[in-house]
Amino acid sequence: MADTHPDGSTGTLVVGTFLTLDGVMQSPGGADEDRDGDFEHGGWSVTYWDEVMGETMDDQFAEADALVLGRKTYEIFAAHWPHVETTDDPVAAKLNRMPKYVASETLDSVSWTNSTLLTDTVPTAVESLKAKRQDVILVQGSHDLLQTLLAHDLVDEFWLWIFPLTLGDGKRLFDDGAIPAALELTSAETSSTGVQLLRYERAGELEYDSFAVDAAVEE
């Protein structure tokens, strides 16, 4: 376990992702983002965009201090955002200048400005990063990376945008890595197109009870 701050605190690891109602997060922004598994529904989020979503996206990236990405998401971002004019695009400006940490077993180097390749195992690297940075670390996309982070209970918050559609197949956020965990809803907003913009914080362990009638009470 990485050493924490003297007061015991660490940075906040946030998962930000677009989801369909049936939990799919694969390839929301375009047909060729991720065709793994012969996925044919790429670009499913684009037609739902409105002003509220744009403003919320700007606000969320303004909160983030650093970015953690898996290889595929890093390559998608690195091929796009450095070429976007940043004068009137606060998200592009923030992404291009903020520290970026890339988890990959295949890349030898990363060239996007302020990018660093993580060399430890994902759990060790992310724990160390949280202890070192003491700020908001955002994970965007990065399905395979997320499964590892979820399995090791490293996620502190979820910023989930749930779109009013189902796809039936595709990579899901809570796929192979989810563990039992309680969450607290801290913010909820709805776009004009019916997209739910939700924020959850990790809230300890699950509590169990039963709706079964207590026999002793009946007597």
Protein backbone atom coordinates (compact mmCIF):
# COMPACT_ATOMS: atom_id res chain seq x y z
CA MET A 1 0.00 0.00 0.00
CA ALA A 2 1.38 3.43 -0.96
CA ASP A 3 2.07 5.90 1.84
CA THR A 4 -0.70 8.46 2.27
CA HIS A 5 -0.54 12.08 3.33
CA PRO A 6 0.33 12.62 7.05
CA ASP A 7 -3.35 13.29 7.78
CA GLY A 8 -4.30 9.97 6.13
CA SER A 9 -5.88 11.52 3.04
CA THR A 10 -5.30 10.60 -0.58
CA GLY A 11 -6.32 11.98 -3.93
CA THR A 12 -9.78 11.32 -5.34
CA LEU A 13 -10.01 8.87 -8.23
CA VAL A 14 -13.04 9.64 -10.40
CA VAL A 15 -14.48 7.49 -13.18
CA GLY A 16 -16.17 9.58 -15.87
CA THR A 17 -18.00 7.71 -18.61
CA PHE A 18 -20.97 7.67 -20.96
CA LEU A 19 -23.32 4.70 -20.51
CA THR A 20 -26.35 3.28 -22.27
CA LEU A 21 -29.28 2.27 -20.08
CA ASP A 22 -28.05 -1.34 -20.23
CA GLY A 23 -24.57 -0.31 -19.10
CA VAL A 24 -22.60 -0.27 -22.38
CA MET A 25 -19.73 2.22 -22.55
CA GLN A 26 -18.05 1.09 -25.78
CA SER A 27 -17.37 3.56 -28.60
CA PRO A 28 -19.83 6.36 -27.72
CA GLY A 29 -18.23 9.00 -29.93
CA GLY A 30 -17.74 7.40 -33.32
CA ALA A 31 -17.96 4.26 -35.43
CA ASP A 32 -14.24 3.51 -35.36
CA GLU A 33 -13.41 4.34 -31.73
CA ASP A 34 -13.52 0.69 -30.67
CA ARG A 35 -14.75 -2.13 -32.89
CA ASP A 36 -13.69 -4.96 -30.55
CA GLY A 37 -16.13 -7.86 -30.69
CA ASP A 38 -17.41 -6.61 -34.08
CA PHE A 39 -19.18 -3.76 -32.29
CA GLU A 40 -21.42 -1.97 -34.78
CA HIS A 41 -23.04 0.76 -32.69
CA GLY A 42 -20.20 3.29 -32.45
CA GLY A 43 -21.30 6.92 -32.14
CA TRP A 44 -24.45 6.18 -30.14
CA SER A 45 -24.09 9.24 -27.87
CA VAL A 46 -23.56 11.97 -30.44
CA THR A 47 -27.14 12.90 -31.38
CA TYR A 48 -28.13 13.44 -27.73
CA TRP A 49 -25.77 16.36 -27.09
CA ASP A 50 -27.21 19.66 -25.86
CA GLU A 51 -26.09 22.87 -24.14
CA VAL A 52 -26.50 21.48 -20.63
CA MET A 53 -24.20 18.56 -21.43
CA GLY A 54 -21.61 20.86 -22.97
CA GLU A 55 -21.58 23.10 -19.90
CA THR A 56 -21.40 20.12 -17.55
CA MET A 57 -18.50 18.64 -19.50
CA ASP A 58 -16.61 21.95 -19.23
CA ASP A 59 -17.28 22.05 -15.47
CA GLN A 60 -16.20 18.47 -14.88
CA PHE A 61 -12.91 18.85 -16.71
CA ALA A 62 -12.31 22.10 -14.83
CA GLU A 63 -12.50 20.06 -11.59
CA ALA A 64 -10.02 17.43 -12.75
CA ASP A 65 -6.32 17.91 -12.03
CA ALA A 66 -4.90 14.86 -13.81
CA LEU A 67 -6.02 12.15 -16.21
CA VAL A 68 -5.44 8.38 -16.15
CA LEU A 69 -6.02 6.49 -19.40
CA GLY A 70 -5.73 2.98 -20.76
CA ARG A 71 -3.84 2.45 -24.02
CA LYS A 72 -6.82 2.50 -26.41
CA THR A 73 -8.39 5.63 -24.94
CA TYR A 74 -5.00 7.33 -24.82
CA GLU A 75 -4.42 6.63 -28.51
CA ILE A 76 -7.90 7.94 -29.42
CA PHE A 77 -7.40 11.11 -27.38
CA ALA A 78 -3.81 11.67 -28.53
CA ALA A 79 -4.87 11.42 -32.17
CA HIS A 80 -7.59 14.05 -31.69
CA TRP A 81 -7.14 16.61 -28.93
CA PRO A 82 -3.67 18.01 -29.82
CA HIS A 83 -5.16 19.08 -33.16
CA VAL A 84 -8.18 20.93 -31.71
CA GLU A 85 -8.06 24.73 -31.60
CA THR A 86 -8.06 25.51 -27.87
CA THR A 87 -8.99 29.21 -27.95
CA ASP A 88 -12.74 28.57 -27.65
CA ASP A 89 -12.62 25.00 -26.35
CA PRO A 90 -11.88 24.79 -22.59
CA VAL A 91 -11.97 20.97 -22.61
CA ALA A 92 -9.32 20.78 -25.33
CA ALA A 93 -7.21 23.36 -23.54
CA LYS A 94 -7.42 21.46 -20.26
CA LEU A 95 -6.74 18.05 -21.79
CA ASN A 96 -3.69 19.25 -23.68
CA ARG A 97 -2.01 20.89 -20.69
CA MET A 98 -3.01 18.63 -17.78
CA PRO A 99 -0.81 15.73 -16.54
CA LYS A 100 -1.78 12.43 -18.19
CA TYR A 101 -0.82 8.97 -16.94
CA VAL A 102 -1.08 6.01 -19.28
CA ALA A 103 -1.48 2.37 -18.21
CA SER A 104 -0.23 0.07 -20.95
CA GLU A 105 1.72 -3.17 -21.27
CA THR A 106 2.46 -2.60 -24.97
CA LEU A 107 3.47 1.06 -25.38
CA ASP A 108 7.14 1.92 -25.02
CA SER A 109 6.63 5.68 -24.94
CA VAL A 110 3.93 8.37 -24.98
CA SER A 111 4.34 11.63 -26.89
CA TRP A 112 1.24 13.72 -26.07
CA THR A 113 2.25 16.76 -24.03
CA ASN A 114 2.57 16.10 -20.27
CA SER A 115 1.98 12.35 -20.67
CA THR A 116 3.73 9.75 -18.51
CA LEU A 117 3.76 5.99 -18.98
CA LEU A 118 2.97 4.10 -15.76
CA THR A 119 5.57 1.40 -15.19
CA ASP A 120 4.20 -0.37 -12.09
CA THR A 121 1.22 -2.68 -12.00
CA VAL A 122 -2.04 -0.72 -12.23
CA PRO A 123 -3.08 -1.08 -8.55
CA THR A 124 0.37 -0.09 -7.27
CA ALA A 125 0.75 2.79 -9.75
CA VAL A 126 -2.70 4.24 -9.06
CA GLU A 127 -2.38 3.93 -5.28
CA SER A 128 0.96 5.76 -5.49
CA LEU A 129 -0.53 8.39 -7.77
CA LYS A 130 -3.42 9.05 -5.39
CA ALA A 131 -1.03 9.36 -2.44
CA LYS A 132 1.32 11.65 -4.33
CA ARG A 133 -1.11 14.00 -6.05
CA GLN A 134 -3.70 14.66 -3.33
CA ASP A 135 -6.14 16.04 -5.92
CA VAL A 136 -8.81 14.95 -8.43
CA ILE A 137 -7.64 12.24 -10.84
CA LEU A 138 -10.06 11.48 -13.66
CA VAL A 139 -10.27 8.19 -15.55
CA GLN A 140 -12.04 8.68 -18.88
CA GLY A 141 -13.15 5.75 -21.04
CA SER A 142 -10.53 2.98 -20.63
CA HIS A 143 -12.81 -0.05 -20.15
CA ASP A 144 -10.11 -2.65 -19.44
CA LEU A 145 -8.29 -0.38 -17.01
CA LEU A 146 -11.54 0.29 -15.16
CA GLN A 147 -12.11 -3.40 -14.48
CA THR A 148 -8.81 -3.52 -12.58
CA LEU A 149 -9.53 -0.31 -10.68
CA LEU A 150 -12.99 -1.57 -9.67
CA ALA A 151 -11.71 -4.97 -8.60
CA HIS A 152 -9.17 -3.32 -6.28
CA ASP A 153 -11.71 -0.81 -4.88
CA LEU A 154 -9.66 2.19 -6.03
CA VAL A 155 -12.55 4.28 -7.37
CA ASP A 156 -13.83 7.07 -5.09
CA GLU A 157 -16.44 8.69 -7.33
CA PHE A 158 -18.43 7.99 -10.50
CA TRP A 159 -19.51 10.73 -12.90
CA LEU A 160 -21.94 8.78 -15.07
CA TRP A 161 -23.92 10.08 -18.03
CA ILE A 162 -26.71 7.61 -18.74
CA PHE A 163 -28.24 7.86 -22.19
CA PRO A 164 -31.85 6.76 -22.87
CA LEU A 165 -31.10 3.85 -25.18
CA THR A 166 -30.12 0.18 -25.05
CA LEU A 167 -27.69 -1.68 -27.31
CA GLY A 168 -27.78 -5.26 -26.06
CA ASP A 169 -24.07 -5.90 -26.55
CA GLY A 170 -20.76 -4.14 -26.06
CA LYS A 171 -18.28 -3.49 -23.26
CA ARG A 172 -19.96 -2.56 -19.99
CA LEU A 173 -18.64 -0.42 -17.16
CA PHE A 174 -19.46 -3.00 -14.48
CA ASP A 175 -18.25 -5.97 -16.43
CA ASP A 176 -15.68 -8.25 -14.82
CA GLY A 177 -14.29 -6.04 -12.06
CA ALA A 178 -17.25 -4.95 -9.93
CA ILE A 179 -17.31 -5.73 -6.21
CA PRO A 180 -20.14 -5.19 -3.70
CA ALA A 181 -20.04 -1.49 -2.78
CA ALA A 182 -22.45 1.15 -1.49
CA LEU A 183 -22.68 4.49 -3.29
CA GLU A 184 -24.25 7.85 -2.43
CA LEU A 185 -25.93 9.95 -5.12
CA THR A 186 -24.52 13.47 -4.72
CA SER A 187 -25.79 15.21 -7.86
CA ALA A 188 -28.40 14.55 -10.55
CA GLU A 189 -29.31 16.60 -13.60
CA THR A 190 -31.20 15.82 -16.80
CA SER A 191 -30.40 17.17 -20.25
CA SER A 192 -33.09 18.30 -22.68
CA THR A 193 -32.55 15.01 -24.54
CA GLY A 194 -33.16 12.81 -21.49
CA VAL A 195 -29.55 12.08 -20.56
CA GLN A 196 -29.09 11.62 -16.80
CA LEU A 197 -25.95 13.36 -15.51
CA LEU A 198 -25.26 11.59 -12.22
CA ARG A 199 -22.53 11.78 -9.62
CA TYR A 200 -21.93 9.12 -7.00
CA GLU A 201 -19.45 8.86 -4.14
CA ARG A 202 -18.22 5.65 -2.57
CA ALA A 203 -20.15 5.17 0.68
CA GLY A 204 -18.62 2.26 2.57
CA GLU A 205 -19.88 -1.29 2.65
CA LEU A 206 -23.29 -2.63 1.71
CA GLU A 207 -25.84 -3.12 4.45
CA TYR A 208 -28.22 -6.08 4.20
CA ASP A 209 -31.71 -6.59 5.59
CA SER A 210 -34.90 -8.39 4.61
CA PHE A 211 -38.53 -7.55 3.78
CA ALA A 212 -39.59 -10.91 5.24
CA VAL A 213 -42.11 -10.57 8.08
CA ASP A 214 -40.61 -11.36 11.46
CA ALA A 215 -42.48 -14.39 12.82
CA ALA A 216 -42.05 -13.16 16.38
CA VAL A 217 -43.80 -9.88 15.52
CA GLU A 218 -46.73 -11.76 13.97
CA GLU A 219 -47.26 -13.71 17.16
